[in-house]
Structure formats: C-alpha cells, structure tokens
Amino acid sequence: SETARVTNFPKYLEILNNLGNIAAYAGRLESAIGYYQEALRHSEQSYNPREFEAKILKNIGATYSDLKDFRNARLYLNKAEVIAREINHNE
C-alpha cells in the first residue's frame, strides 16, 4: 500500500538499490540504472541521506563503466567521491 511505502521509505530505497544490484549482476544494466536513479531521486528520505546518495552515485558510475560509457561513469563517480570526502571531513 502507499501508506506502507511512505512509512518504510528508507527500506524501500534500499530495496531499489538491491534491485539495481540484481539487475546489474544479471546484465540488465539499463534497468539497473533506472532503479538507481529512482533511489537517487528520493535519497534525502534515506536513513543517512548523504551516505546513501554517495553509494547510489557510485553504483550508477560503476554501471555506466560496465556499459563502456566512461564519460557518464566519471561524472557519477566524481560526484560520489566529493560526497565521500565531505562526509569524512565532517566526522
């Protein structure tokens, strides 16, 4: 139900990430990016928004790398690195 999805939104986001991982493992790379993008759109509702955002950006970058789209891979991986440095600097 919609109420359950909203109440458990952080879990829903982890499920989206896991579905992306499964799709990528199965070679369905475009589907994986779709799951990751959906999770990224709502990352501010995760348990640890910046960490989750960095994780999803890394997953998207790695998937683009698998697609041999190195321009997009670098774009997403660079964004993930910036957030990781920010998180480590603030701890």
PDB file of N, CA and C in Angstrom:
ATOM      1  N   SER A   1       0.835  -1.185   0.000  1.00  0.00           N
ATOM      2  CA  SER A   1       0.000   0.000   0.000  1.00  0.00           C
ATOM      3  C   SER A   1       0.879   1.247   0.000  1.00  0.00           C
ATOM      4  N   GLU A   2       0.305   2.348  -0.395  1.00  0.00           N
ATOM      5  CA  GLU A   2       1.033   3.621  -0.433  1.00  0.00           C
ATOM      6  C   GLU A   2       1.469   4.038   0.974  1.00  0.00           C
ATOM      7  N   THR A   3       0.608   3.827   1.982  1.00  0.00           N
ATOM      8  CA  THR A   3       0.959   4.187   3.358  1.00  0.00           C
ATOM      9  C   THR A   3       2.172   3.395   3.828  1.00  0.00           C
ATOM     10  N   ALA A   4       2.193   2.114   3.551  1.00  0.00           N
ATOM     11  CA  ALA A   4       3.330   1.278   3.954  1.00  0.00           C
ATOM     12  C   ALA A   4       4.591   1.726   3.237  1.00  0.00           C
ATOM     13  N   ARG A   5       4.486   2.071   1.962  1.00  0.00           N
ATOM     14  CA  ARG A   5       5.656   2.506   1.200  1.00  0.00           C
ATOM     15  C   ARG A   5       6.224   3.795   1.793  1.00  0.00           C
ATOM     16  N   VAL A   6       5.364   4.753   2.114  1.00  0.00           N
ATOM     17  CA  VAL A   6       5.835   6.032   2.660  1.00  0.00           C
ATOM     18  C   VAL A   6       6.414   5.838   4.052  1.00  0.00           C
ATOM     19  N   THR A   7       5.749   5.051   4.897  1.00  0.00           N
ATOM     20  CA  THR A   7       6.213   4.809   6.258  1.00  0.00           C
ATOM     21  C   THR A   7       7.573   4.123   6.261  1.00  0.00           C
ATOM     22  N   ASN A   8       7.768   3.213   5.340  1.00  0.00           N
ATOM     23  CA  ASN A   8       9.013   2.441   5.276  1.00  0.00           C
ATOM     24  C   ASN A   8       9.899   2.921   4.129  1.00  0.00           C
ATOM     25  N   PHE A   9       9.843   4.202   3.821  1.00  0.00           N
ATOM     26  CA  PHE A   9      10.548   4.709   2.653  1.00  0.00           C
ATOM     27  C   PHE A   9      12.039   4.396   2.672  1.00  0.00           C
ATOM     28  N   PRO A  10      12.735   4.542   3.807  1.00  0.00           N
ATOM     29  CA  PRO A  10      14.160   4.172   3.785  1.00  0.00           C
ATOM     30  C   PRO A  10      14.385   2.718   3.375  1.00  0.00           C
ATOM     31  N   LYS A  11      13.537   1.819   3.833  1.00  0.00           N
ATOM     32  CA  LYS A  11      13.657   0.410   3.428  1.00  0.00           C
ATOM     33  C   LYS A  11      13.357   0.259   1.941  1.00  0.00           C
ATOM     34  N   TYR A  12      12.373   1.002   1.449  1.00  0.00           N
ATOM     35  CA  TYR A  12      12.019   0.981   0.037  1.00  0.00           C
ATOM     36  C   TYR A  12      13.216   1.407  -0.810  1.00  0.00           C
ATOM     37  N   LEU A  13      13.938   2.417  -0.357  1.00  0.00           N
ATOM     38  CA  LEU A  13      15.114   2.888  -1.098  1.00  0.00           C
ATOM     39  C   LEU A  13      16.202   1.826  -1.126  1.00  0.00           C
ATOM     40  N   GLU A  14      16.399   1.128  -0.019  1.00  0.00           N
ATOM     41  CA  GLU A  14      17.377   0.036  -0.004  1.00  0.00           C
ATOM     42  C   GLU A  14      16.954  -1.077  -0.954  1.00  0.00           C
ATOM     43  N   ILE A  15      15.651  -1.329  -1.020  1.00  0.00           N
ATOM     44  CA  ILE A  15      15.153  -2.344  -1.952  1.00  0.00           C
ATOM     45  C   ILE A  15      15.440  -1.916  -3.394  1.00  0.00           C
ATOM     46  N   LEU A  16      15.214  -0.640  -3.706  1.00  0.00           N
ATOM     47  CA  LEU A  16      15.526  -0.147  -5.053  1.00  0.00           C
ATOM     48  C   LEU A  16      17.011  -0.346  -5.370  1.00  0.00           C
ATOM     49  N   ASN A  17      17.867  -0.027  -4.412  1.00  0.00           N
ATOM     50  CA  ASN A  17      19.304  -0.221  -4.609  1.00  0.00           C
ATOM     51  C   ASN A  17      19.609  -1.704  -4.846  1.00  0.00           C
ATOM     52  N   ASN A  18      19.007  -2.564  -4.045  1.00  0.00           N
ATOM     53  CA  ASN A  18      19.241  -4.000  -4.211  1.00  0.00           C
ATOM     54  C   ASN A  18      18.725  -4.504  -5.556  1.00  0.00           C
ATOM     55  N   LEU A  19      17.583  -4.012  -5.993  1.00  0.00           N
ATOM     56  CA  LEU A  19      17.067  -4.387  -7.309  1.00  0.00           C
ATOM     57  C   LEU A  19      18.021  -3.933  -8.408  1.00  0.00           C
ATOM     58  N   GLY A  20      18.589  -2.742  -8.230  1.00  0.00           N
ATOM     59  CA  GLY A  20      19.595  -2.266  -9.180  1.00  0.00           C
ATOM     60  C   GLY A  20      20.802  -3.184  -9.209  1.00  0.00           C
ATOM     61  N   ASN A  21      21.252  -3.604  -8.045  1.00  0.00           N
ATOM     62  CA  ASN A  21      22.395  -4.521  -7.970  1.00  0.00           C
ATOM     63  C   ASN A  21      22.088  -5.844  -8.662  1.00  0.00           C
ATOM     64  N   ILE A  22      20.892  -6.366  -8.425  1.00  0.00           N
ATOM     65  CA  ILE A  22      20.497  -7.635  -9.043  1.00  0.00           C
ATOM     66  C   ILE A  22      20.422  -7.481 -10.561  1.00  0.00           C
ATOM     67  N   ALA A  23      19.802  -6.395 -11.017  1.00  0.00           N
ATOM     68  CA  ALA A  23      19.693  -6.161 -12.461  1.00  0.00           C
ATOM     69  C   ALA A  23      21.078  -6.047 -13.093  1.00  0.00           C
ATOM     70  N   ALA A  24      21.978  -5.332 -12.421  1.00  0.00           N
ATOM     71  CA  ALA A  24      23.339  -5.189 -12.955  1.00  0.00           C
ATOM     72  C   ALA A  24      24.033  -6.545 -13.011  1.00  0.00           C
ATOM     73  N   TYR A  25      23.895  -7.330 -11.972  1.00  0.00           N
ATOM     74  CA  TYR A  25      24.509  -8.655 -11.923  1.00  0.00           C
ATOM     75  C   TYR A  25      23.974  -9.545 -13.052  1.00  0.00           C
ATOM     76  N   ALA A  26      22.683  -9.356 -13.363  1.00  0.00           N
ATOM     77  CA  ALA A  26      22.043 -10.156 -14.409  1.00  0.00           C
ATOM     78  C   ALA A  26      22.325  -9.599 -15.810  1.00  0.00           C
ATOM     79  N   GLY A  27      23.089  -8.511 -15.887  1.00  0.00           N
ATOM     80  CA  GLY A  27      23.427  -7.943 -17.178  1.00  0.00           C
ATOM     81  C   GLY A  27      22.375  -7.005 -17.741  1.00  0.00           C
ATOM     82  N   ARG A  28      21.397  -6.658 -16.943  1.00  0.00           N
ATOM     83  CA  ARG A  28      20.354  -5.719 -17.365  1.00  0.00           C
ATOM     84  C   ARG A  28      20.748  -4.322 -16.884  1.00  0.00           C
ATOM     85  N   LEU A  29      21.786  -3.779 -17.498  1.00  0.00           N
ATOM     86  CA  LEU A  29      22.434  -2.571 -16.996  1.00  0.00           C
ATOM     87  C   LEU A  29      21.540  -1.341 -17.083  1.00  0.00           C
ATOM     88  N   GLU A  30      20.771  -1.201 -18.160  1.00  0.00           N
ATOM     89  CA  GLU A  30      19.877  -0.052 -18.266  1.00  0.00           C
ATOM     90  C   GLU A  30      18.803  -0.096 -17.179  1.00  0.00           C
ATOM     91  N   SER A  31      18.289  -1.286 -16.887  1.00  0.00           N
ATOM     92  CA  SER A  31      17.313  -1.435 -15.804  1.00  0.00           C
ATOM     93  C   SER A  31      17.946  -1.090 -14.461  1.00  0.00           C
ATOM     94  N   ALA A  32      19.183  -1.512 -14.279  1.00  0.00           N
ATOM     95  CA  ALA A  32      19.888  -1.201 -13.034  1.00  0.00           C
ATOM     96  C   ALA A  32      19.972   0.309 -12.845  1.00  0.00           C
ATOM     97  N   ILE A  33      20.352   1.018 -13.888  1.00  0.00           N
ATOM     98  CA  ILE A  33      20.452   2.479 -13.787  1.00  0.00           C
ATOM     99  C   ILE A  33      19.090   3.075 -13.442  1.00  0.00           C
ATOM    100  N   GLY A  34      18.031   2.535 -14.010  1.00  0.00           N
ATOM    101  CA  GLY A  34      16.685   3.024 -13.685  1.00  0.00           C
ATOM    102  C   GLY A  34      16.355   2.864 -12.208  1.00  0.00           C
ATOM    103  N   TYR A  35      16.662   1.705 -11.648  1.00  0.00           N
ATOM    104  CA  TYR A  35      16.422   1.505 -10.213  1.00  0.00           C
ATOM    105  C   TYR A  35      17.269   2.470  -9.382  1.00  0.00           C
ATOM    106  N   TYR A  36      18.533   2.603  -9.747  1.00  0.00           N
ATOM    107  CA  TYR A  36      19.409   3.510  -9.005  1.00  0.00           C
ATOM    108  C   TYR A  36      18.931   4.954  -9.102  1.00  0.00           C
ATOM    109  N   GLN A  37      18.513   5.368 -10.303  1.00  0.00           N
ATOM    110  CA  GLN A  37      18.040   6.750 -10.485  1.00  0.00           C
ATOM    111  C   GLN A  37      16.806   7.017  -9.633  1.00  0.00           C
ATOM    112  N   GLU A  38      15.921   6.034  -9.565  1.00  0.00           N
ATOM    113  CA  GLU A  38      14.725   6.194  -8.729  1.00  0.00           C
ATOM    114  C   GLU A  38      15.127   6.328  -7.259  1.00  0.00           C
ATOM    115  N   ALA A  39      16.056   5.536  -6.798  1.00  0.00           N
ATOM    116  CA  ALA A  39      16.529   5.651  -5.417  1.00  0.00           C
ATOM    117  C   ALA A  39      17.199   7.008  -5.194  1.00  0.00           C
ATOM    118  N   LEU A  40      17.973   7.453  -6.164  1.00  0.00           N
ATOM    119  CA  LEU A  40      18.671   8.734  -6.044  1.00  0.00           C
ATOM    120  C   LEU A  40      17.690   9.893  -5.940  1.00  0.00           C
ATOM    121  N   ARG A  41      16.589   9.828  -6.677  1.00  0.00           N
ATOM    122  CA  ARG A  41      15.583  10.909  -6.649  1.00  0.00           C
ATOM    123  C   ARG A  41      15.018  11.119  -5.251  1.00  0.00           C
ATOM    124  N   HIS A  42      15.057  10.102  -4.423  1.00  0.00           N
ATOM    125  CA  HIS A  42      14.453  10.182  -3.084  1.00  0.00           C
ATOM    126  C   HIS A  42      15.494   9.970  -1.978  1.00  0.00           C
ATOM    127  N   SER A  43      16.759  10.117  -2.299  1.00  0.00           N
ATOM    128  CA  SER A  43      17.814   9.783  -1.332  1.00  0.00           C
ATOM    129  C   SER A  43      17.719  10.592  -0.046  1.00  0.00           C
ATOM    130  N   GLU A  44      17.133  11.801  -0.112  1.00  0.00           N
ATOM    131  CA  GLU A  44      17.034  12.618   1.098  1.00  0.00           C
ATOM    132  C   GLU A  44      16.130  11.975   2.143  1.00  0.00           C
ATOM    133  N   GLN A  45      15.347  10.969   1.759  1.00  0.00           N
ATOM    134  CA  GLN A  45      14.464  10.288   2.700  1.00  0.00           C
ATOM    135  C   GLN A  45      15.069   8.996   3.246  1.00  0.00           C
ATOM    136  N   SER A  46      16.348   8.769   2.963  1.00  0.00           N
ATOM    137  CA  SER A  46      17.001   7.560   3.480  1.00  0.00           C
ATOM    138  C   SER A  46      17.446   7.800   4.917  1.00  0.00           C
ATOM    139  N   TYR A  47      17.953   6.749   5.552  1.00  0.00           N
ATOM    140  CA  TYR A  47      18.414   6.870   6.935  1.00  0.00           C
ATOM    141  C   TYR A  47      19.626   7.799   7.043  1.00  0.00           C
ATOM    142  N   ASN A  48      20.551   7.692   6.129  1.00  0.00           N
ATOM    143  CA  ASN A  48      21.748   8.534   6.083  1.00  0.00           C
ATOM    144  C   ASN A  48      21.835   9.126   4.670  1.00  0.00           C
ATOM    145  N   PRO A  49      21.138  10.248   4.444  1.00  0.00           N
ATOM    146  CA  PRO A  49      20.969  10.756   3.077  1.00  0.00           C
ATOM    147  C   PRO A  49      22.263  10.948   2.290  1.00  0.00           C
ATOM    148  N   ARG A  50      23.272  11.557   2.852  1.00  0.00           N
ATOM    149  CA  ARG A  50      24.491  11.818   2.080  1.00  0.00           C
ATOM    150  C   ARG A  50      25.248  10.528   1.796  1.00  0.00           C
ATOM    151  N   GLU A  51      25.316   9.637   2.761  1.00  0.00           N
ATOM    152  CA  GLU A  51      25.985   8.352   2.538  1.00  0.00           C
ATOM    153  C   GLU A  51      25.241   7.541   1.485  1.00  0.00           C
ATOM    154  N   PHE A  52      23.918   7.535   1.568  1.00  0.00           N
ATOM    155  CA  PHE A  52      23.118   6.788   0.606  1.00  0.00           C
ATOM    156  C   PHE A  52      23.289   7.390  -0.791  1.00  0.00           C
ATOM    157  N   GLU A  53      23.280   8.709  -0.874  1.00  0.00           N
ATOM    158  CA  GLU A  53      23.474   9.372  -2.163  1.00  0.00           C
ATOM    159  C   GLU A  53      24.818   8.982  -2.774  1.00  0.00           C
ATOM    160  N   ALA A  54      25.867   8.999  -1.964  1.00  0.00           N
ATOM    161  CA  ALA A  54      27.196   8.618  -2.463  1.00  0.00           C
ATOM    162  C   ALA A  54      27.204   7.175  -2.944  1.00  0.00           C
ATOM    163  N   LYS A  55      26.551   6.282  -2.198  1.00  0.00           N
ATOM    164  CA  LYS A  55      26.502   4.870  -2.580  1.00  0.00           C
ATOM    165  C   LYS A  55      25.787   4.697  -3.916  1.00  0.00           C
ATOM    166  N   ILE A  56      24.673   5.369  -4.087  1.00  0.00           N
ATOM    167  CA  ILE A  56      23.905   5.247  -5.324  1.00  0.00           C
ATOM    168  C   ILE A  56      24.673   5.850  -6.493  1.00  0.00           C
ATOM    169  N   LEU A  57      25.290   7.004  -6.272  1.00  0.00           N
ATOM    170  CA  LEU A  57      26.096   7.620  -7.336  1.00  0.00           C
ATOM    171  C   LEU A  57      27.226   6.688  -7.761  1.00  0.00           C
ATOM    172  N   LYS A  58      27.851   6.035  -6.790  1.00  0.00           N
ATOM    173  CA  LYS A  58      28.924   5.068  -7.104  1.00  0.00           C
ATOM    174  C   LYS A  58      28.377   3.905  -7.921  1.00  0.00           C
ATOM    175  N   ASN A  59      27.214   3.405  -7.535  1.00  0.00           N
ATOM    176  CA  ASN A  59      26.606   2.300  -8.269  1.00  0.00           C
ATOM    177  C   ASN A  59      26.261   2.703  -9.702  1.00  0.00           C
ATOM    178  N   ILE A  60      25.732   3.912  -9.869  1.00  0.00           N
ATOM    179  CA  ILE A  60      25.418   4.389 -11.213  1.00  0.00           C
ATOM    180  C   ILE A  60      26.699   4.520 -12.028  1.00  0.00           C
ATOM    181  N   GLY A  61      27.731   5.094 -11.435  1.00  0.00           N
ATOM    182  CA  GLY A  61      29.003   5.254 -12.134  1.00  0.00           C
ATOM    183  C   GLY A  61      29.594   3.924 -12.548  1.00  0.00           C
ATOM    184  N   ALA A  62      29.554   2.954 -11.650  1.00  0.00           N
ATOM    185  CA  ALA A  62      30.095   1.629 -11.973  1.00  0.00           C
ATOM    186  C   ALA A  62      29.296   0.972 -13.093  1.00  0.00           C
ATOM    187  N   THR A  63      27.992   1.183 -13.096  1.00  0.00           N
ATOM    188  CA  THR A  63      27.151   0.597 -14.137  1.00  0.00           C
ATOM    189  C   THR A  63      27.434   1.245 -15.490  1.00  0.00           C
ATOM    190  N   TYR A  64      27.596   2.573 -15.490  1.00  0.00           N
ATOM    191  CA  TYR A  64      27.966   3.239 -16.742  1.00  0.00           C
ATOM    192  C   TYR A  64      29.326   2.739 -17.236  1.00  0.00           C
ATOM    193  N   SER A  65      30.224   2.470 -16.317  1.00  0.00           N
ATOM    194  CA  SER A  65      31.522   1.923 -16.707  1.00  0.00           C
ATOM    195  C   SER A  65      31.352   0.568 -17.383  1.00  0.00           C
ATOM    196  N   ASP A  66      30.473  -0.261 -16.818  1.00  0.00           N
ATOM    197  CA  ASP A  66      30.197  -1.562 -17.431  1.00  0.00           C
ATOM    198  C   ASP A  66      29.607  -1.411 -18.833  1.00  0.00           C
ATOM    199  N   LEU A  67      28.870  -0.309 -19.046  1.00  0.00           N
ATOM    200  CA  LEU A  67      28.298  -0.020 -20.360  1.00  0.00           C
ATOM    201  C   LEU A  67      29.314   0.627 -21.305  1.00  0.00           C
ATOM    202  N   LYS A  68      30.528   0.818 -20.810  1.00  0.00           N
ATOM    203  CA  LYS A  68      31.605   1.472 -21.578  1.00  0.00           C
ATOM    204  C   LYS A  68      31.293   2.939 -21.882  1.00  0.00           C
ATOM    205  N   ASP A  69      30.420   3.541 -21.057  1.00  0.00           N
ATOM    206  CA  ASP A  69      30.100   4.968 -21.155  1.00  0.00           C
ATOM    207  C   ASP A  69      30.938   5.672 -20.090  1.00  0.00           C
ATOM    208  N   PHE A  70      32.193   5.878 -20.429  1.00  0.00           N
ATOM    209  CA  PHE A  70      33.145   6.351 -19.428  1.00  0.00           C
ATOM    210  C   PHE A  70      32.946   7.816 -19.048  1.00  0.00           C
ATOM    211  N   ARG A  71      32.351   8.598 -19.933  1.00  0.00           N
ATOM    212  CA  ARG A  71      32.079   9.996 -19.591  1.00  0.00           C
ATOM    213  C   ARG A  71      31.070  10.058 -18.441  1.00  0.00           C
ATOM    214  N   ASN A  72      29.951   9.341 -18.579  1.00  0.00           N
ATOM    215  CA  ASN A  72      28.960   9.314 -17.504  1.00  0.00           C
ATOM    216  C   ASN A  72      29.497   8.605 -16.270  1.00  0.00           C
ATOM    217  N   ALA A  73      30.278   7.555 -16.465  1.00  0.00           N
ATOM    218  CA  ALA A  73      30.864   6.853 -15.321  1.00  0.00           C
ATOM    219  C   ALA A  73      31.696   7.827 -14.490  1.00  0.00           C
ATOM    220  N   ARG A  74      32.565   8.569 -15.162  1.00  0.00           N
ATOM    221  CA  ARG A  74      33.424   9.525 -14.452  1.00  0.00           C
ATOM    222  C   ARG A  74      32.590  10.600 -13.753  1.00  0.00           C
ATOM    223  N   LEU A  75      31.543  11.085 -14.410  1.00  0.00           N
ATOM    224  CA  LEU A  75      30.681  12.113 -13.836  1.00  0.00           C
ATOM    225  C   LEU A  75      30.087  11.651 -12.506  1.00  0.00           C
ATOM    226  N   TYR A  76      29.493  10.457 -12.513  1.00  0.00           N
ATOM    227  CA  TYR A  76      28.849   9.950 -11.302  1.00  0.00           C
ATOM    228  C   TYR A  76      29.856   9.553 -10.231  1.00  0.00           C
ATOM    229  N   LEU A  77      30.953   8.956 -10.624  1.00  0.00           N
ATOM    230  CA  LEU A  77      31.972   8.571  -9.643  1.00  0.00           C
ATOM    231  C   LEU A  77      32.616   9.790  -8.999  1.00  0.00           C
ATOM    232  N   ASN A  78      32.807  10.854  -9.775  1.00  0.00           N
ATOM    233  CA  ASN A  78      33.351  12.092  -9.204  1.00  0.00           C
ATOM    234  C   ASN A  78      32.396  12.692  -8.182  1.00  0.00           C
ATOM    235  N   LYS A  79      31.105  12.685  -8.492  1.00  0.00           N
ATOM    236  CA  LYS A  79      30.112  13.191  -7.533  1.00  0.00           C
ATOM    237  C   LYS A  79      30.142  12.369  -6.244  1.00  0.00           C
ATOM    238  N   ALA A  80      30.236  11.053  -6.384  1.00  0.00           N
ATOM    239  CA  ALA A  80      30.290  10.183  -5.210  1.00  0.00           C
ATOM    240  C   ALA A  80      31.528  10.475  -4.371  1.00  0.00           C
ATOM    241  N   GLU A  81      32.653  10.707  -5.048  1.00  0.00           N
ATOM    242  CA  GLU A  81      33.894  10.994  -4.333  1.00  0.00           C
ATOM    243  C   GLU A  81      33.800  12.307  -3.560  1.00  0.00           C
ATOM    244  N   VAL A  82      33.197  13.320  -4.154  1.00  0.00           N
ATOM    245  CA  VAL A  82      33.038  14.610  -3.470  1.00  0.00           C
ATOM    246  C   VAL A  82      32.235  14.440  -2.187  1.00  0.00           C
ATOM    247  N   ILE A  83      31.150  13.690  -2.267  1.00  0.00           N
ATOM    248  CA  ILE A  83      30.322  13.472  -1.077  1.00  0.00           C
ATOM    249  C   ILE A  83      31.080  12.653  -0.038  1.00  0.00           C
ATOM    250  N   ALA A  84      31.801  11.628  -0.474  1.00  0.00           N
ATOM    251  CA  ALA A  84      32.579  10.807   0.471  1.00  0.00           C
ATOM    252  C   ALA A  84      33.601  11.656   1.207  1.00  0.00           C
ATOM    253  N   ARG A  85      34.277  12.530   0.482  1.00  0.00           N
ATOM    254  CA  ARG A  85      35.252  13.421   1.143  1.00  0.00           C
ATOM    255  C   ARG A  85      34.564  14.362   2.115  1.00  0.00           C
ATOM    256  N   GLU A  86      33.403  14.874   1.734  1.00  0.00           N
ATOM    257  CA  GLU A  86      32.639  15.762   2.608  1.00  0.00           C
ATOM    258  C   GLU A  86      32.252  15.040   3.900  1.00  0.00           C
ATOM    259  N   ILE A  87      31.774  13.809   3.759  1.00  0.00           N
ATOM    260  CA  ILE A  87      31.352  13.014   4.936  1.00  0.00           C
ATOM    261  C   ILE A  87      32.559  12.748   5.829  1.00  0.00           C
ATOM    262  N   ASN A  88      33.672  12.335   5.246  1.00  0.00           N
ATOM    263  CA  ASN A  88      34.868  12.050   6.043  1.00  0.00           C
ATOM    264  C   ASN A  88      35.426  13.297   6.704  1.00  0.00           C
ATOM    265  N   HIS A  89      35.318  14.434   6.042  1.00  0.00           N
ATOM    266  CA  HIS A  89      35.818  15.696   6.590  1.00  0.00           C
ATOM    267  C   HIS A  89      34.980  16.127   7.788  1.00  0.00           C
ATOM    268  N   ASN A  90      33.674  15.840   7.761  1.00  0.00           N
ATOM    269  CA  ASN A  90      32.773  16.268   8.829  1.00  0.00           C
ATOM    270  C   ASN A  90      32.738  15.336  10.008  1.00  0.00           C
ATOM    271  N   GLU A  91      33.408  14.190   9.913  1.00  0.00           N
ATOM    272  CA  GLU A  91      33.376  13.244  11.046  1.00  0.00           C
ATOM    273  C   GLU A  91      34.461  13.546  12.039  1.00  0.00           C
TER     274      GLU A  91
END
